[in-house]
């Protein structure tokens, strides 16, 4: 009994649906599928972005709780922080100007 492998593998490998039969064999069908999936993905992302935009807009337009009190700011620690940043700014500016000491007499 002789088995013809070529014909038996052809029967196994061929899908029965018409669309699946052309995938990988027909470049036009491959490109249509790639572009279709890309457009579907772009549509889903755009719809999600629009939904998030409207959700954020409705959250911002909601009335704020007027009964909530703001925390008190410690002015002494704030002044200390501002002084340290001013000192850093002055040091940065003096470094950007370059050397400002006496010139080298040997030059």
PDB file of N, CA and C in Angstrom:
ATOM      1  N   UNK A   1       0.838  -1.158   0.000  1.00  0.00           N
ATOM      2  CA  UNK A   1       0.000   0.000   0.000  1.00  0.00           C
ATOM      3  C   UNK A   1       0.896   1.238   0.000  1.00  0.00           C
ATOM      4  N   UNK A   2       0.719   2.045  -1.013  1.00  0.00           N
ATOM      5  CA  UNK A   2       1.551   3.223  -1.184  1.00  0.00           C
ATOM      6  C   UNK A   2       0.733   4.477  -0.828  1.00  0.00           C
ATOM      7  N   UNK A   3       1.359   5.350   0.019  1.00  0.00           N
ATOM      8  CA  UNK A   3       0.687   6.578   0.447  1.00  0.00           C
ATOM      9  C   UNK A   3       1.323   7.741  -0.291  1.00  0.00           C
ATOM     10  N   UNK A   4       0.503   8.534  -0.922  1.00  0.00           N
ATOM     11  CA  UNK A   4       0.986   9.717  -1.621  1.00  0.00           C
ATOM     12  C   UNK A   4       0.971  10.892  -0.645  1.00  0.00           C
ATOM     13  N   UNK A   5       2.163  11.275  -0.123  1.00  0.00           N
ATOM     14  CA  UNK A   5       2.249  12.333   0.885  1.00  0.00           C
ATOM     15  C   UNK A   5       1.926  13.701   0.317  1.00  0.00           C
ATOM     16  N   UNK A   6       2.252  13.909  -0.940  1.00  0.00           N
ATOM     17  CA  UNK A   6       2.021  15.220  -1.539  1.00  0.00           C
ATOM     18  C   UNK A   6       0.528  15.567  -1.576  1.00  0.00           C
ATOM     19  N   UNK A   7      -0.273  14.659  -1.987  1.00  0.00           N
ATOM     20  CA  UNK A   7      -1.705  14.945  -2.060  1.00  0.00           C
ATOM     21  C   UNK A   7      -2.349  14.954  -0.676  1.00  0.00           C
ATOM     22  N   UNK A   8      -1.855  14.145   0.251  1.00  0.00           N
ATOM     23  CA  UNK A   8      -2.453  14.138   1.587  1.00  0.00           C
ATOM     24  C   UNK A   8      -2.107  15.406   2.361  1.00  0.00           C
ATOM     25  N   UNK A   9      -0.909  15.966   2.160  1.00  0.00           N
ATOM     26  CA  UNK A   9      -0.565  17.210   2.845  1.00  0.00           C
ATOM     27  C   UNK A   9      -1.308  18.388   2.239  1.00  0.00           C
ATOM     28  N   UNK A  10      -1.584  18.357   0.958  1.00  0.00           N
ATOM     29  CA  UNK A  10      -2.349  19.436   0.340  1.00  0.00           C
ATOM     30  C   UNK A  10      -3.760  19.481   0.911  1.00  0.00           C
ATOM     31  N   UNK A  11      -4.332  18.334   1.134  1.00  0.00           N
ATOM     32  CA  UNK A  11      -5.675  18.305   1.696  1.00  0.00           C
ATOM     33  C   UNK A  11      -5.688  18.811   3.131  1.00  0.00           C
ATOM     34  N   UNK A  12      -4.642  18.516   3.881  1.00  0.00           N
ATOM     35  CA  UNK A  12      -4.592  18.931   5.281  1.00  0.00           C
ATOM     36  C   UNK A  12      -4.308  20.425   5.388  1.00  0.00           C
ATOM     37  N   UNK A  13      -3.410  20.976   4.579  1.00  0.00           N
ATOM     38  CA  UNK A  13      -2.951  22.344   4.700  1.00  0.00           C
ATOM     39  C   UNK A  13      -3.931  23.374   4.137  1.00  0.00           C
ATOM     40  N   UNK A  14      -4.839  22.984   3.276  1.00  0.00           N
ATOM     41  CA  UNK A  14      -5.756  23.946   2.672  1.00  0.00           C
ATOM     42  C   UNK A  14      -6.909  24.254   3.620  1.00  0.00           C
ATOM     43  N   UNK A  15      -7.057  25.505   3.985  1.00  0.00           N
ATOM     44  CA  UNK A  15      -8.236  25.856   4.771  1.00  0.00           C
ATOM     45  C   UNK A  15      -9.475  25.856   3.886  1.00  0.00           C
ATOM     46  N   UNK A  16     -10.610  25.647   4.512  1.00  0.00           N
ATOM     47  CA  UNK A  16     -11.844  25.546   3.744  1.00  0.00           C
ATOM     48  C   UNK A  16     -12.507  26.891   3.506  1.00  0.00           C
ATOM     49  N   UNK A  17     -12.176  27.911   4.324  1.00  0.00           N
ATOM     50  CA  UNK A  17     -12.777  29.224   4.132  1.00  0.00           C
ATOM     51  C   UNK A  17     -12.043  29.967   3.034  1.00  0.00           C
ATOM     52  N   UNK A  18     -12.780  30.739   2.245  1.00  0.00           N
ATOM     53  CA  UNK A  18     -12.193  31.434   1.112  1.00  0.00           C
ATOM     54  C   UNK A  18     -11.225  32.536   1.500  1.00  0.00           C
ATOM     55  N   UNK A  19     -11.506  33.298   2.559  1.00  0.00           N
ATOM     56  CA  UNK A  19     -10.640  34.386   2.964  1.00  0.00           C
ATOM     57  C   UNK A  19      -9.315  33.861   3.501  1.00  0.00           C
ATOM     58  N   UNK A  20      -9.370  32.819   4.300  1.00  0.00           N
ATOM     59  CA  UNK A  20      -8.144  32.276   4.879  1.00  0.00           C
ATOM     60  C   UNK A  20      -7.274  31.585   3.833  1.00  0.00           C
ATOM     61  N   UNK A  21      -7.856  31.201   2.746  1.00  0.00           N
ATOM     62  CA  UNK A  21      -7.100  30.515   1.709  1.00  0.00           C
ATOM     63  C   UNK A  21      -6.071  31.450   1.068  1.00  0.00           C
ATOM     64  N   UNK A  22      -6.356  32.749   1.003  1.00  0.00           N
ATOM     65  CA  UNK A  22      -5.473  33.675   0.323  1.00  0.00           C
ATOM     66  C   UNK A  22      -4.425  34.336   1.196  1.00  0.00           C
ATOM     67  N   UNK A  23      -4.530  34.203   2.526  1.00  0.00           N
ATOM     68  CA  UNK A  23      -3.568  34.858   3.414  1.00  0.00           C
ATOM     69  C   UNK A  23      -2.185  34.240   3.199  1.00  0.00           C
ATOM     70  N   UNK A  24      -1.209  35.114   2.955  1.00  0.00           N
ATOM     71  CA  UNK A  24       0.157  34.654   2.730  1.00  0.00           C
ATOM     72  C   UNK A  24       0.450  34.329   1.283  1.00  0.00           C
ATOM     73  N   UNK A  25      -0.576  34.171   0.500  1.00  0.00           N
ATOM     74  CA  UNK A  25      -0.384  33.849  -0.923  1.00  0.00           C
ATOM     75  C   UNK A  25      -0.681  35.044  -1.817  1.00  0.00           C
ATOM     76  N   UNK A  26      -1.631  35.857  -1.385  1.00  0.00           N
ATOM     77  CA  UNK A  26      -2.049  37.003  -2.178  1.00  0.00           C
ATOM     78  C   UNK A  26      -1.571  38.283  -1.499  1.00  0.00           C
ATOM     79  N   UNK A  27      -0.606  39.016  -2.099  1.00  0.00           N
ATOM     80  CA  UNK A  27      -0.097  40.221  -1.457  1.00  0.00           C
ATOM     81  C   UNK A  27      -1.171  41.298  -1.267  1.00  0.00           C
ATOM     82  N   UNK A  28      -2.088  41.402  -2.206  1.00  0.00           N
ATOM     83  CA  UNK A  28      -3.146  42.399  -2.087  1.00  0.00           C
ATOM     84  C   UNK A  28      -3.999  42.125  -0.854  1.00  0.00           C
ATOM     85  N   UNK A  29      -4.387  40.893  -0.654  1.00  0.00           N
ATOM     86  CA  UNK A  29      -5.180  40.527   0.513  1.00  0.00           C
ATOM     87  C   UNK A  29      -4.395  40.766   1.800  1.00  0.00           C
ATOM     88  N   UNK A  30      -3.108  40.475   1.788  1.00  0.00           N
ATOM     89  CA  UNK A  30      -2.278  40.715   2.967  1.00  0.00           C
ATOM     90  C   UNK A  30      -2.255  42.195   3.319  1.00  0.00           C
ATOM     91  N   UNK A  31      -2.082  43.058   2.328  1.00  0.00           N
ATOM     92  CA  UNK A  31      -2.046  44.496   2.592  1.00  0.00           C
ATOM     93  C   UNK A  31      -3.403  45.014   3.047  1.00  0.00           C
ATOM     94  N   UNK A  32      -4.452  44.495   2.485  1.00  0.00           N
ATOM     95  CA  UNK A  32      -5.795  44.905   2.909  1.00  0.00           C
ATOM     96  C   UNK A  32      -6.011  44.527   4.377  1.00  0.00           C
ATOM     97  N   UNK A  33      -5.570  43.348   4.772  1.00  0.00           N
ATOM     98  CA  UNK A  33      -5.717  42.935   6.167  1.00  0.00           C
ATOM     99  C   UNK A  33      -4.852  43.785   7.100  1.00  0.00           C
ATOM    100  N   UNK A  34      -3.614  44.076   6.690  1.00  0.00           N
ATOM    101  CA  UNK A  34      -2.728  44.899   7.520  1.00  0.00           C
ATOM    102  C   UNK A  34      -3.321  46.294   7.693  1.00  0.00           C
ATOM    103  N   UNK A  35      -3.763  46.901   6.618  1.00  0.00           N
ATOM    104  CA  UNK A  35      -4.344  48.239   6.705  1.00  0.00           C
ATOM    105  C   UNK A  35      -5.666  48.234   7.464  1.00  0.00           C
ATOM    106  N   UNK A  36      -6.438  47.185   7.291  1.00  0.00           N
ATOM    107  CA  UNK A  36      -7.696  47.083   8.029  1.00  0.00           C
ATOM    108  C   UNK A  36      -7.483  46.985   9.523  1.00  0.00           C
ATOM    109  N   UNK A  37      -6.520  46.182   9.934  1.00  0.00           N
ATOM    110  CA  UNK A  37      -6.226  46.060  11.363  1.00  0.00           C
ATOM    111  C   UNK A  37      -5.670  47.382  11.892  1.00  0.00           C
ATOM    112  N   UNK A  38      -4.815  48.054  11.116  1.00  0.00           N
ATOM    113  CA  UNK A  38      -4.254  49.341  11.541  1.00  0.00           C
ATOM    114  C   UNK A  38      -5.356  50.390  11.685  1.00  0.00           C
ATOM    115  N   UNK A  39      -6.286  50.432  10.739  1.00  0.00           N
ATOM    116  CA  UNK A  39      -7.387  51.397  10.832  1.00  0.00           C
ATOM    117  C   UNK A  39      -8.304  51.087  12.010  1.00  0.00           C
ATOM    118  N   UNK A  40      -8.559  49.823  12.255  1.00  0.00           N
ATOM    119  CA  UNK A  40      -9.369  49.436  13.408  1.00  0.00           C
ATOM    120  C   UNK A  40      -8.692  49.857  14.705  1.00  0.00           C
ATOM    121  N   UNK A  41      -7.389  49.634  14.800  1.00  0.00           N
ATOM    122  CA  UNK A  41      -6.623  50.019  15.983  1.00  0.00           C
ATOM    123  C   UNK A  41      -6.649  51.537  16.165  1.00  0.00           C
ATOM    124  N   UNK A  42      -6.487  52.283  15.072  1.00  0.00           N
ATOM    125  CA  UNK A  42      -6.514  53.746  15.147  1.00  0.00           C
ATOM    126  C   UNK A  42      -7.899  54.232  15.573  1.00  0.00           C
ATOM    127  N   UNK A  43      -8.942  53.613  15.065  1.00  0.00           N
ATOM    128  CA  UNK A  43     -10.304  53.993  15.439  1.00  0.00           C
ATOM    129  C   UNK A  43     -10.556  53.746  16.921  1.00  0.00           C
ATOM    130  N   UNK A  44     -10.110  52.606  17.418  1.00  0.00           N
ATOM    131  CA  UNK A  44     -10.312  52.275  18.835  1.00  0.00           C
ATOM    132  C   UNK A  44      -9.559  53.269  19.723  1.00  0.00           C
ATOM    133  N   UNK A  45      -8.312  53.594  19.362  1.00  0.00           N
ATOM    134  CA  UNK A  45      -7.545  54.548  20.153  1.00  0.00           C
ATOM    135  C   UNK A  45      -8.152  55.950  20.110  1.00  0.00           C
ATOM    136  N   UNK A  46      -8.648  56.356  18.954  1.00  0.00           N
ATOM    137  CA  UNK A  46      -9.279  57.661  18.836  1.00  0.00           C
ATOM    138  C   UNK A  46     -10.558  57.726  19.667  1.00  0.00           C
ATOM    139  N   UNK A  47     -11.353  56.696  19.601  1.00  0.00           N
ATOM    140  CA  UNK A  47     -12.594  56.661  20.394  1.00  0.00           C
ATOM    141  C   UNK A  47     -12.273  56.685  21.885  1.00  0.00           C
ATOM    142  N   UNK A  48     -11.243  55.979  22.293  1.00  0.00           N
ATOM    143  CA  UNK A  48     -10.844  55.983  23.703  1.00  0.00           C
ATOM    144  C   UNK A  48     -10.363  57.374  24.118  1.00  0.00           C
ATOM    145  N   UNK A  49      -9.587  58.025  23.267  1.00  0.00           N
ATOM    146  CA  UNK A  49      -9.105  59.373  23.575  1.00  0.00           C
ATOM    147  C   UNK A  49     -10.236  60.377  23.688  1.00  0.00           C
ATOM    148  N   UNK A  50     -11.194  60.290  22.789  1.00  0.00           N
ATOM    149  CA  UNK A  50     -12.349  61.197  22.851  1.00  0.00           C
ATOM    150  C   UNK A  50     -13.161  60.948  24.112  1.00  0.00           C
ATOM    151  N   UNK A  51     -13.332  59.684  24.475  1.00  0.00           N
ATOM    152  CA  UNK A  51     -14.076  59.367  25.698  1.00  0.00           C
ATOM    153  C   UNK A  51     -13.346  59.903  26.924  1.00  0.00           C
ATOM    154  N   UNK A  52     -12.030  59.779  26.956  1.00  0.00           N
ATOM    155  CA  UNK A  52     -11.260  60.305  28.083  1.00  0.00           C
ATOM    156  C   UNK A  52     -11.322  61.832  28.137  1.00  0.00           C
ATOM    157  N   UNK A  53     -11.305  62.465  26.972  1.00  0.00           N
ATOM    158  CA  UNK A  53     -11.391  63.931  26.908  1.00  0.00           C
ATOM    159  C   UNK A  53     -12.703  64.417  27.512  1.00  0.00           C
ATOM    160  N   UNK A  54     -13.813  63.792  27.126  1.00  0.00           N
ATOM    161  CA  UNK A  54     -15.104  64.220  27.653  1.00  0.00           C
ATOM    162  C   UNK A  54     -15.250  63.861  29.125  1.00  0.00           C
ATOM    163  N   UNK A  55     -14.646  62.761  29.551  1.00  0.00           N
ATOM    164  CA  UNK A  55     -14.698  62.392  30.964  1.00  0.00           C
ATOM    165  C   UNK A  55     -13.924  63.403  31.804  1.00  0.00           C
ATOM    166  N   UNK A  56     -12.782  63.841  31.309  1.00  0.00           N
ATOM    167  CA  UNK A  56     -11.989  64.832  32.047  1.00  0.00           C
ATOM    168  C   UNK A  56     -12.690  66.186  32.030  1.00  0.00           C
ATOM    169  N   UNK A  57     -13.316  66.522  30.929  1.00  0.00           N
ATOM    170  CA  UNK A  57     -14.035  67.792  30.855  1.00  0.00           C
ATOM    171  C   UNK A  57     -15.210  67.838  31.803  1.00  0.00           C
ATOM    172  N   UNK A  58     -15.920  66.746  31.930  1.00  0.00           N
ATOM    173  CA  UNK A  58     -17.064  66.735  32.840  1.00  0.00           C
ATOM    174  C   UNK A  58     -16.599  66.709  34.295  1.00  0.00           C
ATOM    175  N   UNK A  59     -15.434  66.137  34.557  1.00  0.00           N
ATOM    176  CA  UNK A  59     -14.919  66.125  35.935  1.00  0.00           C
ATOM    177  C   UNK A  59     -14.444  67.509  36.334  1.00  0.00           C
ATOM    178  N   UNK A  60     -13.891  68.273  35.392  1.00  0.00           N
ATOM    179  CA  UNK A  60     -13.417  69.616  35.712  1.00  0.00           C
ATOM    180  C   UNK A  60     -14.578  70.582  35.892  1.00  0.00           C
ATOM    181  N   UNK A  61     -15.667  70.363  35.185  1.00  0.00           N
ATOM    182  CA  UNK A  61     -16.788  71.287  35.278  1.00  0.00           C
ATOM    183  C   UNK A  61     -17.688  70.993  36.471  1.00  0.00           C
ATOM    184  N   UNK A  62     -17.392  69.930  37.209  1.00  0.00           N
ATOM    185  CA  UNK A  62     -18.194  69.623  38.390  1.00  0.00           C
ATOM    186  C   UNK A  62     -17.925  70.680  39.460  1.00  0.00           C
ATOM    187  N   UNK A  63     -18.934  71.092  40.189  1.00  0.00           N
ATOM    188  CA  UNK A  63     -18.730  72.131  41.203  1.00  0.00           C
ATOM    189  C   UNK A  63     -17.813  71.627  42.316  1.00  0.00           C
ATOM    190  N   UNK A  64     -16.917  72.503  42.751  1.00  0.00           N
ATOM    191  CA  UNK A  64     -15.980  72.147  43.813  1.00  0.00           C
ATOM    192  C   UNK A  64     -16.672  72.256  45.161  1.00  0.00           C
ATOM    193  N   UNK A  65     -16.168  71.521  46.116  1.00  0.00           N
ATOM    194  CA  UNK A  65     -16.713  71.566  47.471  1.00  0.00           C
ATOM    195  C   UNK A  65     -16.236  72.854  48.127  1.00  0.00           C
ATOM    196  N   UNK A  66     -17.139  73.775  48.368  1.00  0.00           N
ATOM    197  CA  UNK A  66     -16.768  75.073  48.933  1.00  0.00           C
ATOM    198  C   UNK A  66     -16.467  74.974  50.419  1.00  0.00           C
ATOM    199  N   UNK A  67     -16.856  73.911  51.069  1.00  0.00           N
ATOM    200  CA  UNK A  67     -16.628  73.759  52.497  1.00  0.00           C
ATOM    201  C   UNK A  67     -15.214  73.301  52.825  1.00  0.00           C
ATOM    202  N   UNK A  68     -14.461  72.871  51.838  1.00  0.00           N
ATOM    203  CA  UNK A  68     -13.102  72.387  52.100  1.00  0.00           C
ATOM    204  C   UNK A  68     -12.185  73.569  52.363  1.00  0.00           C
ATOM    205  N   UNK A  69     -11.389  73.469  53.409  1.00  0.00           N
ATOM    206  CA  UNK A  69     -10.475  74.560  53.741  1.00  0.00           C
ATOM    207  C   UNK A  69      -9.075  74.209  53.246  1.00  0.00           C
ATOM    208  N   UNK A  70      -8.362  75.223  52.816  1.00  0.00           N
ATOM    209  CA  UNK A  70      -6.999  75.023  52.349  1.00  0.00           C
ATOM    210  C   UNK A  70      -6.061  74.914  53.531  1.00  0.00           C
ATOM    211  N   UNK A  71      -5.011  74.103  53.426  1.00  0.00           N
ATOM    212  CA  UNK A  71      -4.090  73.980  54.555  1.00  0.00           C
ATOM    213  C   UNK A  71      -3.295  75.272  54.751  1.00  0.00           C
ATOM    214  N   UNK A  72      -2.932  75.572  55.980  1.00  0.00           N
ATOM    215  CA  UNK A  72      -2.142  76.762  56.304  1.00  0.00           C
ATOM    216  C   UNK A  72      -0.709  76.543  55.844  1.00  0.00           C
ATOM    217  N   UNK A  73      -0.094  77.595  55.342  1.00  0.00           N
ATOM    218  CA  UNK A  73       1.293  77.531  54.876  1.00  0.00           C
ATOM    219  C   UNK A  73       2.186  78.109  55.964  1.00  0.00           C
ATOM    220  N   UNK A  74       3.240  77.371  56.279  1.00  0.00           N
ATOM    221  CA  UNK A  74       4.206  77.845  57.261  1.00  0.00           C
ATOM    222  C   UNK A  74       5.129  78.846  56.564  1.00  0.00           C
ATOM    223  N   UNK A  75       4.964  80.128  56.877  1.00  0.00           N
ATOM    224  CA  UNK A  75       5.719  81.169  56.167  1.00  0.00           C
ATOM    225  C   UNK A  75       7.199  81.136  56.491  1.00  0.00           C
ATOM    226  N   UNK A  76       7.569  80.693  57.680  1.00  0.00           N
ATOM    227  CA  UNK A  76       8.990  80.643  58.042  1.00  0.00           C
ATOM    228  C   UNK A  76       9.732  79.607  57.198  1.00  0.00           C
ATOM    229  N   UNK A  77       9.145  78.419  57.055  1.00  0.00           N
ATOM    230  CA  UNK A  77       9.811  77.388  56.246  1.00  0.00           C
ATOM    231  C   UNK A  77       9.779  77.757  54.764  1.00  0.00           C
ATOM    232  N   UNK A  78       8.724  78.434  54.335  1.00  0.00           N
ATOM    233  CA  UNK A  78       8.665  78.881  52.951  1.00  0.00           C
ATOM    234  C   UNK A  78       9.757  79.905  52.665  1.00  0.00           C
ATOM    235  N   UNK A  79       9.965  80.832  53.571  1.00  0.00           N
ATOM    236  CA  UNK A  79      11.013  81.836  53.401  1.00  0.00           C
ATOM    237  C   UNK A  79      12.399  81.186  53.392  1.00  0.00           C
ATOM    238  N   UNK A  80      12.581  80.165  54.224  1.00  0.00           N
ATOM    239  CA  UNK A  80      13.858  79.435  54.270  1.00  0.00           C
ATOM    240  C   UNK A  80      14.142  78.754  52.925  1.00  0.00           C
ATOM    241  N   UNK A  81      13.128  78.145  52.358  1.00  0.00           N
ATOM    242  CA  UNK A  81      13.276  77.470  51.061  1.00  0.00           C
ATOM    243  C   UNK A  81      13.573  78.488  49.970  1.00  0.00           C
ATOM    244  N   UNK A  82      12.857  79.613  49.978  1.00  0.00           N
ATOM    245  CA  UNK A  82      13.085  80.646  48.965  1.00  0.00           C
ATOM    246  C   UNK A  82      14.491  81.228  49.067  1.00  0.00           C
ATOM    247  N   UNK A  83      14.996  81.413  50.287  1.00  0.00           N
ATOM    248  CA  UNK A  83      16.365  81.912  50.471  1.00  0.00           C
ATOM    249  C   UNK A  83      17.398  80.925  49.929  1.00  0.00           C
ATOM    250  N   UNK A  84      17.164  79.617  50.149  1.00  0.00           N
ATOM    251  CA  UNK A  84      18.126  78.628  49.641  1.00  0.00           C
ATOM    252  C   UNK A  84      18.118  78.605  48.111  1.00  0.00           C
ATOM    253  N   UNK A  85      16.953  78.784  47.500  1.00  0.00           N
ATOM    254  CA  UNK A  85      16.907  78.827  46.032  1.00  0.00           C
ATOM    255  C   UNK A  85      17.541  80.109  45.493  1.00  0.00           C
ATOM    256  N   UNK A  86      17.394  81.206  46.205  1.00  0.00           N
ATOM    257  CA  UNK A  86      18.066  82.441  45.785  1.00  0.00           C
ATOM    258  C   UNK A  86      19.581  82.283  45.848  1.00  0.00           C
ATOM    259  N   UNK A  87      20.078  81.615  46.896  1.00  0.00           N
ATOM    260  CA  UNK A  87      21.519  81.381  47.012  1.00  0.00           C
ATOM    261  C   UNK A  87      22.019  80.484  45.876  1.00  0.00           C
ATOM    262  N   UNK A  88      21.253  79.466  45.529  1.00  0.00           N
ATOM    263  CA  UNK A  88      21.626  78.587  44.411  1.00  0.00           C
ATOM    264  C   UNK A  88      21.637  79.361  43.098  1.00  0.00           C
ATOM    265  N   UNK A  89      20.667  80.234  42.920  1.00  0.00           N
ATOM    266  CA  UNK A  89      20.586  81.026  41.695  1.00  0.00           C
ATOM    267  C   UNK A  89      21.792  81.958  41.578  1.00  0.00           C
ATOM    268  N   UNK A  90      22.184  82.589  42.689  1.00  0.00           N
ATOM    269  CA  UNK A  90      23.338  83.488  42.666  1.00  0.00           C
ATOM    270  C   UNK A  90      24.621  82.714  42.372  1.00  0.00           C
ATOM    271  N   UNK A  91      24.761  81.525  42.946  1.00  0.00           N
ATOM    272  CA  UNK A  91      25.945  80.706  42.699  1.00  0.00           C
ATOM    273  C   UNK A  91      25.985  80.259  41.240  1.00  0.00           C
ATOM    274  N   UNK A  92      24.856  79.907  40.687  1.00  0.00           N
ATOM    275  CA  UNK A  92      24.787  79.485  39.289  1.00  0.00           C
ATOM    276  C   UNK A  92      25.146  80.638  38.352  1.00  0.00           C
ATOM    277  N   UNK A  93      24.674  81.837  38.670  1.00  0.00           N
ATOM    278  CA  UNK A  93      24.991  82.997  37.828  1.00  0.00           C
ATOM    279  C   UNK A  93      26.471  83.352  37.897  1.00  0.00           C
ATOM    280  N   UNK A  94      27.073  83.234  39.090  1.00  0.00           N
ATOM    281  CA  UNK A  94      28.507  83.544  39.194  1.00  0.00           C
ATOM    282  C   UNK A  94      29.347  82.509  38.454  1.00  0.00           C
ATOM    283  N   UNK A  95      28.905  81.258  38.416  1.00  0.00           N
ATOM    284  CA  UNK A  95      29.625  80.230  37.659  1.00  0.00           C
ATOM    285  C   UNK A  95      29.501  80.457  36.157  1.00  0.00           C
ATOM    286  N   UNK A  96      28.350  80.945  35.729  1.00  0.00           N
ATOM    287  CA  UNK A  96      28.158  81.158  34.293  1.00  0.00           C
ATOM    288  C   UNK A  96      28.954  82.354  33.790  1.00  0.00           C
ATOM    289  N   UNK A  97      29.308  83.311  34.679  1.00  0.00           N
ATOM    290  CA  UNK A  97      30.106  84.464  34.266  1.00  0.00           C
ATOM    291  C   UNK A  97      31.572  84.098  34.057  1.00  0.00           C
ATOM    292  N   UNK A  98      32.017  83.047  34.700  1.00  0.00           N
ATOM    293  CA  UNK A  98      33.409  82.641  34.560  1.00  0.00           C
ATOM    294  C   UNK A  98      34.257  83.176  35.702  1.00  0.00           C
ATOM    295  N   UNK A  99      35.585  83.066  35.547  1.00  0.00           N
ATOM    296  CA  UNK A  99      36.522  83.474  36.603  1.00  0.00           C
ATOM    297  C   UNK A  99      36.571  84.991  36.688  1.00  0.00           C
ATOM    298  N   UNK A 100      36.375  85.526  37.880  1.00  0.00           N
ATOM    299  CA  UNK A 100      36.365  86.981  38.043  1.00  0.00           C
ATOM    300  C   UNK A 100      37.444  87.463  39.001  1.00  0.00           C
ATOM    301  N   UNK A 101      38.411  86.603  39.336  1.00  0.00           N
ATOM    302  CA  UNK A 101      39.490  86.985  40.237  1.00  0.00           C
ATOM    303  C   UNK A 101      40.583  87.740  39.511  1.00  0.00           C
ATOM    304  N   UNK A 102      41.703  87.979  40.206  1.00  0.00           N
ATOM    305  CA  UNK A 102      42.813  88.713  39.577  1.00  0.00           C
ATOM    306  C   UNK A 102      43.397  87.911  38.417  1.00  0.00           C
ATOM    307  N   UNK A 103      43.878  88.624  37.424  1.00  0.00           N
ATOM    308  CA  UNK A 103      44.437  87.959  36.258  1.00  0.00           C
ATOM    309  C   UNK A 103      45.801  87.390  36.571  1.00  0.00           C
ATOM    310  N   UNK A 104      46.231  86.438  35.791  1.00  0.00           N
ATOM    311  CA  UNK A 104      47.511  85.785  35.992  1.00  0.00           C
ATOM    312  C   UNK A 104      48.627  86.716  35.496  1.00  0.00           C
ATOM    313  N   UNK A 105      49.586  87.096  36.354  1.00  0.00           N
ATOM    314  CA  UNK A 105      50.612  88.036  35.943  1.00  0.00           C
ATOM    315  C   UNK A 105      51.615  87.430  34.954  1.00  0.00           C
ATOM    316  N   UNK A 106      51.681  86.121  34.872  1.00  0.00           N
ATOM    317  CA  UNK A 106      52.667  85.522  33.971  1.00  0.00           C
ATOM    318  C   UNK A 106      52.228  85.547  32.513  1.00  0.00           C
ATOM    319  N   UNK A 107      51.003  85.904  32.232  1.00  0.00           N
ATOM    320  CA  UNK A 107      50.522  85.916  30.849  1.00  0.00           C
ATOM    321  C   UNK A 107      50.822  87.232  30.184  1.00  0.00           C
TER     322      UNK A 107
END
